[in-house]
C-alpha atoms as a PDB file:
ATOM      1  CA  MET A   1     100.874 117.529 100.268  1.00  0.00           C
ATOM      2  CA  ASN A   2     104.081 116.976 102.171  1.00  0.00           C
ATOM      3  CA  PHE A   3     106.619 115.110 100.064  1.00  0.00           C
ATOM      4  CA  GLU A   4     109.541 115.678 102.444  1.00  0.00           C
ATOM      5  CA  ASN A   5     110.705 112.062 102.746  1.00  0.00           C
ATOM      6  CA  ASN A   6     109.228 110.754  99.545  1.00  0.00           C
ATOM      7  CA  PRO A   7     110.817 108.011  97.392  1.00  0.00           C
ATOM      8  CA  LYS A   8     111.966 110.377  94.646  1.00  0.00           C
ATOM      9  CA  LYS A   9     113.883 112.674  97.007  1.00  0.00           C
ATOM     10  CA  LEU A  10     115.531 109.620  98.551  1.00  0.00           C
ATOM     11  CA  GLY A  11     116.660 108.335  95.142  1.00  0.00           C
ATOM     12  CA  PHE A  12     114.046 105.622  94.531  1.00  0.00           C
ATOM     13  CA  LYS A  13     112.283 104.936  91.240  1.00  0.00           C
ATOM     14  CA  PHE A  14     109.863 102.460  89.722  1.00  0.00           C
ATOM     15  CA  PRO A  15     111.861 100.626  87.030  1.00  0.00           C
ATOM     16  CA  ALA A  16     110.603  99.655  83.600  1.00  0.00           C
ATOM     17  CA  GLU A  17     109.200  96.147  83.369  1.00  0.00           C
ATOM     18  CA  TRP A  18     111.970  94.983  81.021  1.00  0.00           C
ATOM     19  CA  GLU A  19     114.684  95.801  83.571  1.00  0.00           C
ATOM     20  CA  LYS A  20     116.272  92.901  85.472  1.00  0.00           C
ATOM     21  CA  GLN A  21     113.776  91.077  87.692  1.00  0.00           C
ATOM     22  CA  LYS A  22     114.193  88.968  90.808  1.00  0.00           C
ATOM     23  CA  SER A  23     110.754  87.357  90.652  1.00  0.00           C
ATOM     24  CA  ILE A  24     107.097  87.640  89.658  1.00  0.00           C
ATOM     25  CA  TRP A  25     104.346  87.830  92.308  1.00  0.00           C
ATOM     26  CA  PHE A  26     100.854  86.325  92.091  1.00  0.00           C
ATOM     27  CA  SER A  27      97.842  86.004  94.379  1.00  0.00           C
ATOM     28  CA  TRP A  28      96.303  82.562  93.933  1.00  0.00           C
ATOM     29  CA  PRO A  29      92.691  82.673  92.637  1.00  0.00           C
ATOM     30  CA  HIS A  30      89.894  81.610  94.982  1.00  0.00           C
ATOM     31  CA  LYS A  31      87.043  84.117  94.542  1.00  0.00           C
ATOM     32  CA  VAL A  32      84.495  82.191  92.484  1.00  0.00           C
ATOM     33  CA  ALA A  33      82.418  85.341  91.966  1.00  0.00           C
ATOM     34  CA  SER A  34      85.220  86.847  89.872  1.00  0.00           C
ATOM     35  CA  TRP A  35      84.654  84.154  87.224  1.00  0.00           C
ATOM     36  CA  PRO A  36      80.948  83.326  87.733  1.00  0.00           C
ATOM     37  CA  GLY A  37      80.074  80.017  86.152  1.00  0.00           C
ATOM     38  CA  LYS A  38      83.594  79.613  84.797  1.00  0.00           C
ATOM     39  CA  PHE A  39      85.944  79.389  87.786  1.00  0.00           C
ATOM     40  CA  GLU A  40      86.893  75.720  87.367  1.00  0.00           C
ATOM     41  CA  PRO A  41      89.634  76.185  84.702  1.00  0.00           C
ATOM     42  CA  ILE A  42      91.142  79.308  86.306  1.00  0.00           C
ATOM     43  CA  PRO A  43      93.620  77.682  88.750  1.00  0.00           C
ATOM     44  CA  GLU A  44      95.008  75.566  85.897  1.00  0.00           C
ATOM     45  CA  ILE A  45      95.452  78.676  83.726  1.00  0.00           C
ATOM     46  CA  PHE A  46      97.352  80.352  86.574  1.00  0.00           C
ATOM     47  CA  ALA A  47      99.479  77.209  86.872  1.00  0.00           C
ATOM     48  CA  LYS A  48     100.320  77.240  83.166  1.00  0.00           C
ATOM     49  CA  ILE A  49     101.368  80.904  83.331  1.00  0.00           C
ATOM     50  CA  ILE A  50     103.384  80.362  86.499  1.00  0.00           C
ATOM     51  CA  SER A  51     105.094  77.231  85.156  1.00  0.00           C
ATOM     52  CA  THR A  52     106.115  79.095  81.989  1.00  0.00           C
ATOM     53  CA  ILE A  53     107.744  81.816  84.088  1.00  0.00           C
ATOM     54  CA  CYS A  54     109.350  79.221  86.392  1.00  0.00           C
ATOM     55  CA  GLU A  55     111.371  77.856  83.497  1.00  0.00           C
ATOM     56  CA  ASP A  56     113.923  80.572  84.207  1.00  0.00           C
ATOM     57  CA  GLU A  57     112.565  82.945  86.846  1.00  0.00           C
ATOM     58  CA  PHE A  58     111.415  82.623  90.451  1.00  0.00           C
ATOM     59  CA  VAL A  59     107.728  83.056  91.352  1.00  0.00           C
ATOM     60  CA  ASN A  60     106.146  84.164  94.649  1.00  0.00           C
ATOM     61  CA  ILE A  61     102.500  83.350  95.368  1.00  0.00           C
ATOM     62  CA  ASN A  62     100.179  84.767  98.027  1.00  0.00           C
ATOM     63  CA  ILE A  63      97.850  82.140  99.535  1.00  0.00           C
ATOM     64  CA  LEU A  64      95.106  82.058 102.159  1.00  0.00           C
ATOM     65  CA  ASP A  65      95.977  79.114 104.391  1.00  0.00           C
ATOM     66  CA  GLU A  66      97.264  75.546 104.698  1.00  0.00           C
ATOM     67  CA  VAL A  67      94.402  74.134 102.623  1.00  0.00           C
ATOM     68  CA  MET A  68      95.268  76.406  99.703  1.00  0.00           C
ATOM     69  CA  GLU A  69      98.962  75.636 100.205  1.00  0.00           C
ATOM     70  CA  GLU A  70      98.302  71.946  99.553  1.00  0.00           C
ATOM     71  CA  GLU A  71      96.103  72.747  96.547  1.00  0.00           C
ATOM     72  CA  VAL A  72      98.710  74.985  94.941  1.00  0.00           C
ATOM     73  CA  LYS A  73     101.511  72.503  95.537  1.00  0.00           C
ATOM     74  CA  ARG A  74      99.393  69.713  94.028  1.00  0.00           C
ATOM     75  CA  ILE A  75      98.535  71.678  90.887  1.00  0.00           C
ATOM     76  CA  LEU A  76     102.049  73.034  90.327  1.00  0.00           C
ATOM     77  CA  SER A  77     103.643  69.616  90.925  1.00  0.00           C
ATOM     78  CA  LYS A  78     102.360  68.616  87.478  1.00  0.00           C
ATOM     79  CA  TYR A  79     104.812  71.074  85.943  1.00  0.00           C
ATOM     80  CA  PRO A  80     108.516  70.080  86.237  1.00  0.00           C
ATOM     81  CA  SER A  81     109.660  73.695  85.774  1.00  0.00           C
ATOM     82  CA  THR A  82     108.088  74.743  89.080  1.00  0.00           C
ATOM     83  CA  LYS A  83     110.210  72.419  91.209  1.00  0.00           C
ATOM     84  CA  ASN A  84     112.137  74.503  93.779  1.00  0.00           C
ATOM     85  CA  ASN A  85     111.327  77.616  91.763  1.00  0.00           C
ATOM     86  CA  PHE A  86     108.402  79.104  93.652  1.00  0.00           C
ATOM     87  CA  ALA A  87     107.537  80.154  97.193  1.00  0.00           C
ATOM     88  CA  LEU A  88     104.160  80.395  98.944  1.00  0.00           C
ATOM     89  CA  HIS A  89     103.364  83.224 101.350  1.00  0.00           C
ATOM     90  CA  LYS A  90     100.445  83.131 103.776  1.00  0.00           C
ATOM     91  CA  ILE A  91      99.246  86.601 102.855  1.00  0.00           C
ATOM     92  CA  PRO A  92      95.460  86.332 102.470  1.00  0.00           C
ATOM     93  CA  THR A  93      93.694  88.198  99.679  1.00  0.00           C
ATOM     94  CA  ASN A  94      90.121  88.953  98.676  1.00  0.00           C
ATOM     95  CA  ASP A  95      90.850  88.393  94.997  1.00  0.00           C
ATOM     96  CA  ALA A  96      93.577  87.467  92.512  1.00  0.00           C
ATOM     97  CA  TRP A  97      94.436  90.764  90.763  1.00  0.00           C
ATOM     98  CA  CYS A  98      97.988  91.173  92.028  1.00  0.00           C
ATOM     99  CA  ARG A  99      98.894  93.896  89.516  1.00  0.00           C
ATOM    100  CA  ASP A 100      96.469  96.217  91.282  1.00  0.00           C
ATOM    101  CA  HIS A 101      96.582  95.209  94.942  1.00  0.00           C
ATOM    102  CA  GLY A 102     100.161  93.972  94.972  1.00  0.00           C
ATOM    103  CA  PRO A 103     103.387  95.816  95.848  1.00  0.00           C
ATOM    104  CA  ALA A 104     104.796  98.571  93.654  1.00  0.00           C
ATOM    105  CA  PHE A 105     108.512  97.787  93.964  1.00  0.00           C
ATOM    106  CA  LEU A 106     111.008 100.645  93.844  1.00  0.00           C
ATOM    107  CA  ILE A 107     114.772 100.501  93.554  1.00  0.00           C
ATOM    108  CA  ASN A 108     117.479 102.929  94.610  1.00  0.00           C
ATOM    109  CA  PRO A 109     120.402 102.489  92.169  1.00  0.00           C
ATOM    110  CA  LYS A 110     122.834 104.386  94.403  1.00  0.00           C
ATOM    111  CA  THR A 111     122.156 102.732  97.761  1.00  0.00           C
ATOM    112  CA  LYS A 112     121.156  99.376  96.223  1.00  0.00           C
ATOM    113  CA  GLU A 113     118.000  99.426  98.356  1.00  0.00           C
ATOM    114  CA  LYS A 114     114.587  98.097  97.445  1.00  0.00           C
ATOM    115  CA  ALA A 115     111.327  99.566  98.720  1.00  0.00           C
ATOM    116  CA  ILE A 116     107.573  99.176  98.290  1.00  0.00           C
ATOM    117  CA  VAL A 117     104.902 101.796  97.768  1.00  0.00           C
ATOM    118  CA  ASP A 118     101.648 100.827  99.480  1.00  0.00           C
ATOM    119  CA  TRP A 119      99.020 102.816  97.611  1.00  0.00           C
ATOM    120  CA  SER A 120      95.510 102.662  99.035  1.00  0.00           C
ATOM    121  CA  TYR A 121      93.316 100.153  97.209  1.00  0.00           C
ATOM    122  CA  ASN A 122      89.522 100.286  96.886  1.00  0.00           C
ATOM    123  CA  ALA A 123      88.749  97.626  94.241  1.00  0.00           C
ATOM    124  CA  TRP A 124      88.468 100.023  91.294  1.00  0.00           C
ATOM    125  CA  GLY A 125      86.301 102.622  92.933  1.00  0.00           C
ATOM    126  CA  GLY A 126      84.546 100.435  95.505  1.00  0.00           C
ATOM    127  CA  LYS A 127      83.031  98.111  92.888  1.00  0.00           C
ATOM    128  CA  TYR A 128      83.806  94.779  94.565  1.00  0.00           C
ATOM    129  CA  PRO A 129      83.794  94.811  98.368  1.00  0.00           C
ATOM    130  CA  PRO A 130      85.273  93.540 100.561  1.00  0.00           C
ATOM    131  CA  PHE A 131      88.826  94.543  99.647  1.00  0.00           C
ATOM    132  CA  ASP A 132      90.421  94.979 103.083  1.00  0.00           C
ATOM    133  CA  LEU A 133      92.759  92.001 102.713  1.00  0.00           C
ATOM    134  CA  ASP A 134      93.909  93.136  99.271  1.00  0.00           C
ATOM    135  CA  ASP A 135      94.595  96.617 100.638  1.00  0.00           C
ATOM    136  CA  ASP A 136      97.018  95.115 103.201  1.00  0.00           C
ATOM    137  CA  VAL A 137      99.038  93.007 100.746  1.00  0.00           C
ATOM    138  CA  PRO A 138     101.898  95.453  99.941  1.00  0.00           C
ATOM    139  CA  THR A 139     102.621  96.128 103.618  1.00  0.00           C
ATOM    140  CA  LYS A 140     102.647  92.416 104.455  1.00  0.00           C
ATOM    141  CA  ILE A 141     105.030  91.692 101.595  1.00  0.00           C
ATOM    142  CA  ALA A 142     107.292  94.583 102.661  1.00  0.00           C
ATOM    143  CA  GLN A 143     107.372  93.153 106.177  1.00  0.00           C
ATOM    144  CA  ALA A 144     108.133  89.661 104.865  1.00  0.00           C
ATOM    145  CA  LEU A 145     111.002  90.986 102.730  1.00  0.00           C
ATOM    146  CA  ASN A 146     112.127  93.503 105.369  1.00  0.00           C
ATOM    147  CA  VAL A 147     112.193  96.439 102.955  1.00  0.00           C
ATOM    148  CA  LYS A 148     111.326 100.106 103.355  1.00  0.00           C
ATOM    149  CA  ILE A 149     107.686 101.044 102.760  1.00  0.00           C
ATOM    150  CA  PHE A 150     106.042 104.296 101.669  1.00  0.00           C
ATOM    151  CA  TYR A 151     102.398 105.319 102.186  1.00  0.00           C
ATOM    152  CA  PRO A 152     101.141 107.975  99.738  1.00  0.00           C
ATOM    153  CA  GLY A 153      97.655 107.831 101.247  1.00  0.00           C
ATOM    154  CA  ILE A 154      95.810 107.948  97.910  1.00  0.00           C
ATOM    155  CA  VAL A 155      94.163 105.269  95.755  1.00  0.00           C
ATOM    156  CA  MET A 156      96.240 103.869  92.904  1.00  0.00           C
ATOM    157  CA  GLU A 157      96.370 100.561  91.006  1.00  0.00           C
ATOM    158  CA  GLY A 158      99.373  99.013  89.298  1.00  0.00           C
ATOM    159  CA  GLY A 159      97.538  98.424  86.031  1.00  0.00           C
ATOM    160  CA  SER A 160      96.752 102.112  85.690  1.00  0.00           C
ATOM    161  CA  ILE A 161     100.347 103.137  84.916  1.00  0.00           C
ATOM    162  CA  ASP A 162     103.270 102.138  82.708  1.00  0.00           C
ATOM    163  CA  VAL A 163     106.797 103.604  82.706  1.00  0.00           C
ATOM    164  CA  ASN A 164     109.616 103.793  80.155  1.00  0.00           C
ATOM    165  CA  GLY A 165     112.513 103.594  82.611  1.00  0.00           C
ATOM    166  CA  GLU A 166     113.673 107.082  81.668  1.00  0.00           C
ATOM    167  CA  GLY A 167     111.297 109.308  83.608  1.00  0.00           C
ATOM    168  CA  CYS A 168     108.040 109.028  81.632  1.00  0.00           C
ATOM    169  CA  LEU A 169     104.819 107.535  83.001  1.00  0.00           C
ATOM    170  CA  LEU A 170     101.785 106.749  80.842  1.00  0.00           C
ATOM    171  CA  THR A 171      98.234 106.632  82.254  1.00  0.00           C
ATOM    172  CA  THR A 172      94.587 107.520  81.513  1.00  0.00           C
ATOM    173  CA  LYS A 173      92.288 110.320  82.622  1.00  0.00           C
ATOM    174  CA  SER A 174      89.260 108.000  82.662  1.00  0.00           C
ATOM    175  CA  CYS A 175      90.845 106.009  85.502  1.00  0.00           C
ATOM    176  CA  LEU A 176      93.017 108.321  87.587  1.00  0.00           C
ATOM    177  CA  LEU A 177      90.729 111.343  87.346  1.00  0.00           C
ATOM    178  CA  ASN A 178      87.629 109.282  88.108  1.00  0.00           C
ATOM    179  CA  LYS A 179      85.807 110.577  91.189  1.00  0.00           C
ATOM    180  CA  ASN A 180      85.562 107.043  92.574  1.00  0.00           C
ATOM    181  CA  ARG A 181      89.306 107.049  93.284  1.00  0.00           C
ATOM    182  CA  ASN A 182      90.571 110.362  94.695  1.00  0.00           C
ATOM    183  CA  PRO A 183      87.697 112.875  94.362  1.00  0.00           C
ATOM    184  CA  ASN A 184      89.496 115.635  96.269  1.00  0.00           C
ATOM    185  CA  LEU A 185      92.599 115.692  94.059  1.00  0.00           C
ATOM    186  CA  THR A 186      93.154 117.711  90.889  1.00  0.00           C
ATOM    187  CA  GLN A 187      94.982 116.361  87.845  1.00  0.00           C
ATOM    188  CA  ASN A 188      98.045 118.378  88.813  1.00  0.00           C
ATOM    189  CA  GLU A 189      98.012 116.992  92.360  1.00  0.00           C
ATOM    190  CA  ILE A 190      97.725 113.419  91.071  1.00  0.00           C
ATOM    191  CA  GLU A 191     100.650 114.084  88.719  1.00  0.00           C
ATOM    192  CA  ASN A 192     102.728 115.192  91.705  1.00  0.00           C
ATOM    193  CA  TYR A 193     101.939 111.976  93.574  1.00  0.00           C
ATOM    194  CA  LEU A 194     102.882 109.901  90.523  1.00  0.00           C
ATOM    195  CA  LYS A 195     106.172 111.742  90.109  1.00  0.00           C
ATOM    196  CA  GLU A 196     107.115 111.718  93.784  1.00  0.00           C
ATOM    197  CA  PHE A 197     106.167 108.132  94.674  1.00  0.00           C
ATOM    198  CA  TYR A 198     107.065 106.405  91.394  1.00  0.00           C
ATOM    199  CA  GLY A 199     110.203 108.525  90.916  1.00  0.00           C
ATOM    200  CA  GLN A 200     109.186 109.917  87.522  1.00  0.00           C
ATOM    201  CA  GLU A 201     109.625 113.242  85.707  1.00  0.00           C
ATOM    202  CA  LYS A 202     106.824 113.458  83.140  1.00  0.00           C
ATOM    203  CA  ILE A 203     103.217 112.226  83.135  1.00  0.00           C
ATOM    204  CA  LEU A 204     101.605 111.365  79.786  1.00  0.00           C
ATOM    205  CA  TRP A 205      97.797 111.172  79.656  1.00  0.00           C
ATOM    206  CA  LEU A 206      95.496 109.247  77.333  1.00  0.00           C
ATOM    207  CA  ASP A 207      91.732 109.659  77.612  1.00  0.00           C
ATOM    208  CA  ASP A 208      89.798 106.389  77.724  1.00  0.00           C
ATOM    209  CA  GLY A 209      90.221 102.660  78.076  1.00  0.00           C
ATOM    210  CA  ILE A 210      88.534  99.862  76.142  1.00  0.00           C
ATOM    211  CA  VAL A 211      84.906  98.782  76.332  1.00  0.00           C
ATOM    212  CA  GLY A 212      84.194  96.177  79.021  1.00  0.00           C
ATOM    213  CA  ASP A 213      87.070  97.261  81.267  1.00  0.00           C
ATOM    214  CA  ASP A 214      85.659  97.556  84.802  1.00  0.00           C
ATOM    215  CA  THR A 215      88.784  99.397  85.996  1.00  0.00           C
ATOM    216  CA  ASP A 216      87.607 102.574  84.243  1.00  0.00           C
ATOM    217  CA  GLY A 217      90.406 102.399  81.696  1.00  0.00           C
ATOM    218  CA  HIS A 218      93.681 100.818  82.802  1.00  0.00           C
ATOM    219  CA  ILE A 219      96.625 101.632  80.565  1.00  0.00           C
ATOM    220  CA  ASP A 220      97.796  98.003  80.456  1.00  0.00           C
ATOM    221  CA  ASP A 221      94.869  97.137  78.192  1.00  0.00           C
ATOM    222  CA  ILE A 222      95.532  99.873  75.624  1.00  0.00           C
ATOM    223  CA  ALA A 223      99.148 101.106  75.364  1.00  0.00           C
ATOM    224  CA  ARG A 224     102.511  99.897  76.691  1.00  0.00           C
ATOM    225  CA  PHE A 225     106.124 100.961  76.493  1.00  0.00           C
ATOM    226  CA  THR A 226     108.341  98.353  74.835  1.00  0.00           C
ATOM    227  CA  SER A 227     111.515 100.445  75.215  1.00  0.00           C
ATOM    228  CA  PRO A 228     112.304 103.975  76.418  1.00  0.00           C
ATOM    229  CA  ASN A 229     111.227 105.485  73.083  1.00  0.00           C
ATOM    230  CA  ARG A 230     108.725 102.950  71.704  1.00  0.00           C
ATOM    231  CA  ILE A 231     105.034 102.410  72.549  1.00  0.00           C
ATOM    232  CA  VAL A 232     102.683  99.735  71.247  1.00  0.00           C
ATOM    233  CA  THR A 233      99.070 100.867  71.208  1.00  0.00           C
ATOM    234  CA  CYS A 234      95.898  98.945  70.437  1.00  0.00           C
ATOM    235  CA  VAL A 235      93.999  99.934  67.319  1.00  0.00           C
ATOM    236  CA  GLU A 236      90.640  98.516  66.256  1.00  0.00           C
ATOM    237  CA  GLU A 237      90.324  98.058  62.482  1.00  0.00           C
ATOM    238  CA  ASP A 238      86.517  97.779  62.341  1.00  0.00           C
ATOM    239  CA  PRO A 239      84.908 101.269  62.264  1.00  0.00           C
ATOM    240  CA  GLN A 240      81.669  99.749  63.568  1.00  0.00           C
ATOM    241  CA  ASP A 241      83.334  98.414  66.712  1.00  0.00           C
ATOM    242  CA  GLU A 242      82.753 100.337  69.963  1.00  0.00           C
ATOM    243  CA  ASN A 243      86.509 100.521  70.534  1.00  0.00           C
ATOM    244  CA  TYR A 244      87.312 102.059  67.146  1.00  0.00           C
ATOM    245  CA  LYS A 245      86.868 105.750  68.024  1.00  0.00           C
ATOM    246  CA  ILE A 246      88.380 105.411  71.516  1.00  0.00           C
ATOM    247  CA  LEU A 247      91.548 103.778  70.227  1.00  0.00           C
ATOM    248  CA  GLN A 248      91.888 106.114  67.233  1.00  0.00           C
ATOM    249  CA  GLU A 249      91.825 109.096  69.598  1.00  0.00           C
ATOM    250  CA  ASN A 250      94.455 107.466  71.799  1.00  0.00           C
ATOM    251  CA  LEU A 251      96.612 106.828  68.727  1.00  0.00           C
ATOM    252  CA  GLN A 252      96.493 110.486  67.709  1.00  0.00           C
ATOM    253  CA  GLN A 253      97.361 111.601  71.231  1.00  0.00           C
ATOM    254  CA  LEU A 254     100.329 109.230  71.395  1.00  0.00           C
ATOM    255  CA  LYS A 255     101.703 110.570  68.108  1.00  0.00           C
ATOM    256  CA  LEU A 256     101.980 114.019  69.695  1.00  0.00           C
ATOM    257  CA  MET A 257     103.722 112.887  72.880  1.00  0.00           C
ATOM    258  CA  GLU A 258     107.402 113.509  73.566  1.00  0.00           C
ATOM    259  CA  CYS A 259     109.949 111.920  75.860  1.00  0.00           C
ATOM    260  CA  LEU A 260     112.075 113.942  78.283  1.00  0.00           C
ATOM    261  CA  LYS A 261     114.528 114.794  75.524  1.00  0.00           C
ATOM    262  CA  GLY A 262     111.739 116.379  73.478  1.00  0.00           C
ATOM    263  CA  GLU A 263     111.712 113.629  70.865  1.00  0.00           C
ATOM    264  CA  LYS A 264     108.528 111.954  69.642  1.00  0.00           C
ATOM    265  CA  PHE A 265     107.931 108.324  70.581  1.00  0.00           C
ATOM    266  CA  HIS A 266     107.858 105.602  67.937  1.00  0.00           C
ATOM    267  CA  ILE A 267     104.239 104.387  67.945  1.00  0.00           C
ATOM    268  CA  ILE A 268     103.533 100.807  66.849  1.00  0.00           C
ATOM    269  CA  LYS A 269      99.974  99.663  66.165  1.00  0.00           C
ATOM    270  CA  LEU A 270      98.782  96.494  67.873  1.00  0.00           C
ATOM    271  CA  PRO A 271      95.564  94.881  66.599  1.00  0.00           C
ATOM    272  CA  MET A 272      92.571  93.973  68.741  1.00  0.00           C
ATOM    273  CA  PRO A 273      91.091  90.450  68.991  1.00  0.00           C
ATOM    274  CA  GLY A 274      87.632  91.534  67.895  1.00  0.00           C
ATOM    275  CA  VAL A 275      84.609  91.160  70.135  1.00  0.00           C
ATOM    276  CA  VAL A 276      85.151  88.630  72.925  1.00  0.00           C
ATOM    277  CA  GLU A 277      81.952  87.964  74.850  1.00  0.00           C
ATOM    278  CA  PHE A 278      80.605  85.629  77.505  1.00  0.00           C
ATOM    279  CA  GLU A 279      76.933  85.492  78.443  1.00  0.00           C
ATOM    280  CA  ALA A 280      76.326  88.529  76.190  1.00  0.00           C
ATOM    281  CA  GLN A 281      78.890  90.647  78.090  1.00  0.00           C
ATOM    282  CA  ARG A 282      81.697  92.405  76.179  1.00  0.00           C
ATOM    283  CA  LEU A 283      85.021  91.503  77.790  1.00  0.00           C
ATOM    284  CA  PRO A 284      88.208  93.630  77.877  1.00  0.00           C
ATOM    285  CA  ALA A 285      90.243  91.309  75.655  1.00  0.00           C
ATOM    286  CA  SER A 286      93.513  92.939  74.614  1.00  0.00           C
ATOM    287  CA  TYR A 287      96.942  91.835  73.447  1.00  0.00           C
ATOM    288  CA  ALA A 288      98.423  94.779  75.378  1.00  0.00           C
ATOM    289  CA  ASN A 289      97.920  92.946  78.673  1.00  0.00           C
ATOM    290  CA  PHE A 290     101.232  91.121  78.234  1.00  0.00           C
ATOM    291  CA  LEU A 291     103.802  90.459  80.958  1.00  0.00           C
ATOM    292  CA  ILE A 292     107.521  91.028  80.381  1.00  0.00           C
ATOM    293  CA  THR A 293     109.849  88.658  82.284  1.00  0.00           C
ATOM    294  CA  ASN A 294     113.635  88.320  82.137  1.00  0.00           C
ATOM    295  CA  SER A 295     113.597  86.091  79.063  1.00  0.00           C
ATOM    296  CA  LYS A 296     109.993  85.997  77.843  1.00  0.00           C
ATOM    297  CA  VAL A 297     106.933  88.060  76.996  1.00  0.00           C
ATOM    298  CA  LEU A 298     103.701  86.272  77.897  1.00  0.00           C
ATOM    299  CA  VAL A 299     100.868  87.505  75.694  1.00  0.00           C
ATOM    300  CA  PRO A 300      97.137  86.793  76.094  1.00  0.00           C
ATOM    301  CA  ILE A 301      95.567  85.296  72.972  1.00  0.00           C
ATOM    302  CA  PHE A 302      91.898  84.676  72.205  1.00  0.00           C
ATOM    303  CA  ASN A 303      91.545  82.141  69.350  1.00  0.00           C
ATOM    304  CA  HIS A 304      91.248  85.030  66.909  1.00  0.00           C
ATOM    305  CA  GLN A 305      92.831  85.540  63.490  1.00  0.00           C
ATOM    306  CA  ASN A 306      94.790  88.504  64.893  1.00  0.00           C
ATOM    307  CA  ASP A 307      96.570  86.355  67.513  1.00  0.00           C
ATOM    308  CA  LYS A 308      99.495  85.519  65.208  1.00  0.00           C
ATOM    309  CA  LYS A 309      99.760  89.090  63.957  1.00  0.00           C
ATOM    310  CA  ALA A 310      99.917  90.470  67.506  1.00  0.00           C
ATOM    311  CA  LEU A 311     102.529  87.914  68.561  1.00  0.00           C
ATOM    312  CA  ALA A 312     104.683  88.758  65.537  1.00  0.00           C
ATOM    313  CA  ILE A 313     104.508  92.499  66.268  1.00  0.00           C
ATOM    314  CA  LEU A 314     105.510  91.964  69.890  1.00  0.00           C
ATOM    315  CA  GLN A 315     108.278  89.533  68.929  1.00  0.00           C
ATOM    316  CA  ASN A 316     109.724  92.276  66.736  1.00  0.00           C
ATOM    317  CA  GLU A 317     109.592  94.660  69.713  1.00  0.00           C
ATOM    318  CA  PHE A 318     111.236  92.223  72.116  1.00  0.00           C
ATOM    319  CA  LYS A 319     113.923  90.650  69.952  1.00  0.00           C
ATOM    320  CA  THR A 320     115.971  89.283  72.876  1.00  0.00           C
ATOM    321  CA  ARG A 321     112.975  87.629  74.554  1.00  0.00           C
ATOM    322  CA  LYS A 322     110.747  84.733  73.529  1.00  0.00           C
ATOM    323  CA  VAL A 323     107.166  85.872  72.913  1.00  0.00           C
ATOM    324  CA  ILE A 324     104.674  83.221  74.051  1.00  0.00           C
ATOM    325  CA  GLY A 325     100.913  83.266  73.514  1.00  0.00           C
ATOM    326  CA  ILE A 326      98.734  82.032  76.388  1.00  0.00           C
ATOM    327  CA  ASP A 327      95.073  81.163  75.736  1.00  0.00           C
ATOM    328  CA  CYS A 328      93.103  83.617  77.890  1.00  0.00           C
ATOM    329  CA  VAL A 329      89.559  83.112  76.590  1.00  0.00           C
ATOM    330  CA  ASP A 330      88.488  81.776  80.006  1.00  0.00           C
ATOM    331  CA  LEU A 331      90.729  84.042  82.094  1.00  0.00           C
ATOM    332  CA  VAL A 332      89.361  87.253  80.562  1.00  0.00           C
ATOM    333  CA  TRP A 333      85.873  86.419  81.904  1.00  0.00           C
ATOM    334  CA  GLY A 334      87.308  87.792  85.157  1.00  0.00           C
ATOM    335  CA  LEU A 335      87.822  91.078  83.228  1.00  0.00           C
ATOM    336  CA  GLY A 336      91.606  90.855  83.174  1.00  0.00           C
ATOM    337  CA  THR A 337      94.404  88.619  81.904  1.00  0.00           C
ATOM    338  CA  ILE A 338      98.160  88.047  82.306  1.00  0.00           C
ATOM    339  CA  HIS A 339      99.419  91.496  83.291  1.00  0.00           C
ATOM    340  CA  CYS A 340      96.460  92.000  85.627  1.00  0.00           C
ATOM    341  CA  ILE A 341      97.270  88.904  87.720  1.00  0.00           C
ATOM    342  CA  SER A 342     101.024  89.484  88.034  1.00  0.00           C
ATOM    343  CA  GLN A 343     103.479  91.966  89.541  1.00  0.00           C
ATOM    344  CA  GLN A 344     107.222  92.020  88.916  1.00  0.00           C
ATOM    345  CA  GLU A 345     109.837  92.398  91.650  1.00  0.00           C
ATOM    346  CA  PRO A 346     113.027  94.047  90.305  1.00  0.00           C
ATOM    347  CA  GLU A 347     116.572  92.900  91.007  1.00  0.00           C
ATOM    348  CA  ILE A 348     118.847  95.388  92.718  1.00  0.00           C
END
């Protein structure tokens, strides 16, 4: 590993999601196989999410071609908030999961530069080929924005990590140590890549993700930083539920973790929305898959009695932002929700 001209040495870092943003990026949905038998409502759900963000923040959207350009403009035209507040980019994709194939934006506070890390992407361990177009997305966006780009040369997905803005990165062993990602790397070597290319100081590991998650356990479905010293983590209340033991073990691990200053994090329990299924398949429904924007927190909800409880907990965590629930019962059939389809671009 040669980290001679890596982002960290040059003064770059991956900022926390609550830091000032310039825009949110999406890749418009078009792969019917990602929502088999249920694709029809998906574009409208994307439009609702995008229009909510457009009320006070700019949105960038990757599209395939002129035909999709007209479709997106037609759908978004129904929402007044989107007028003059989004841009379309002819950057073709295989799928819509922009959190994972999209650009990891870095900032350099001293030089006021922005950069992008283009991690290799293999559709969560080669599960859903082809993924060649998705793998090219960060480089094409970097070229479009004319910003510096870094190539670590290893597989990494945006949904697999979360940062607290003060040097700590949270992830899972079930995902990043899975042999379908980087089989030749040790845990220590992966930690070095995370530190050097995300500009972090300390890597915090949980074990497993939730049942039904085809990413092998992305962190953005189980635990998230809400401030430098606070973490919300999903906890299942039903001991008979498959997620109960997994999430209890994560909770105990989080209670032992310390920030860079050696202080324990404040751990806040976030409920789960019970069993969400479609065609007898358990889906990775989680309130932790929320997106933080400049003025809002968009939270997936699932027509469950815990929806209101989860929204209230998150509103208490984000007192200066408006917490908004978005019905994601249909969206989660694609095995991801709001955080999975979006990627923030920081302001510098």
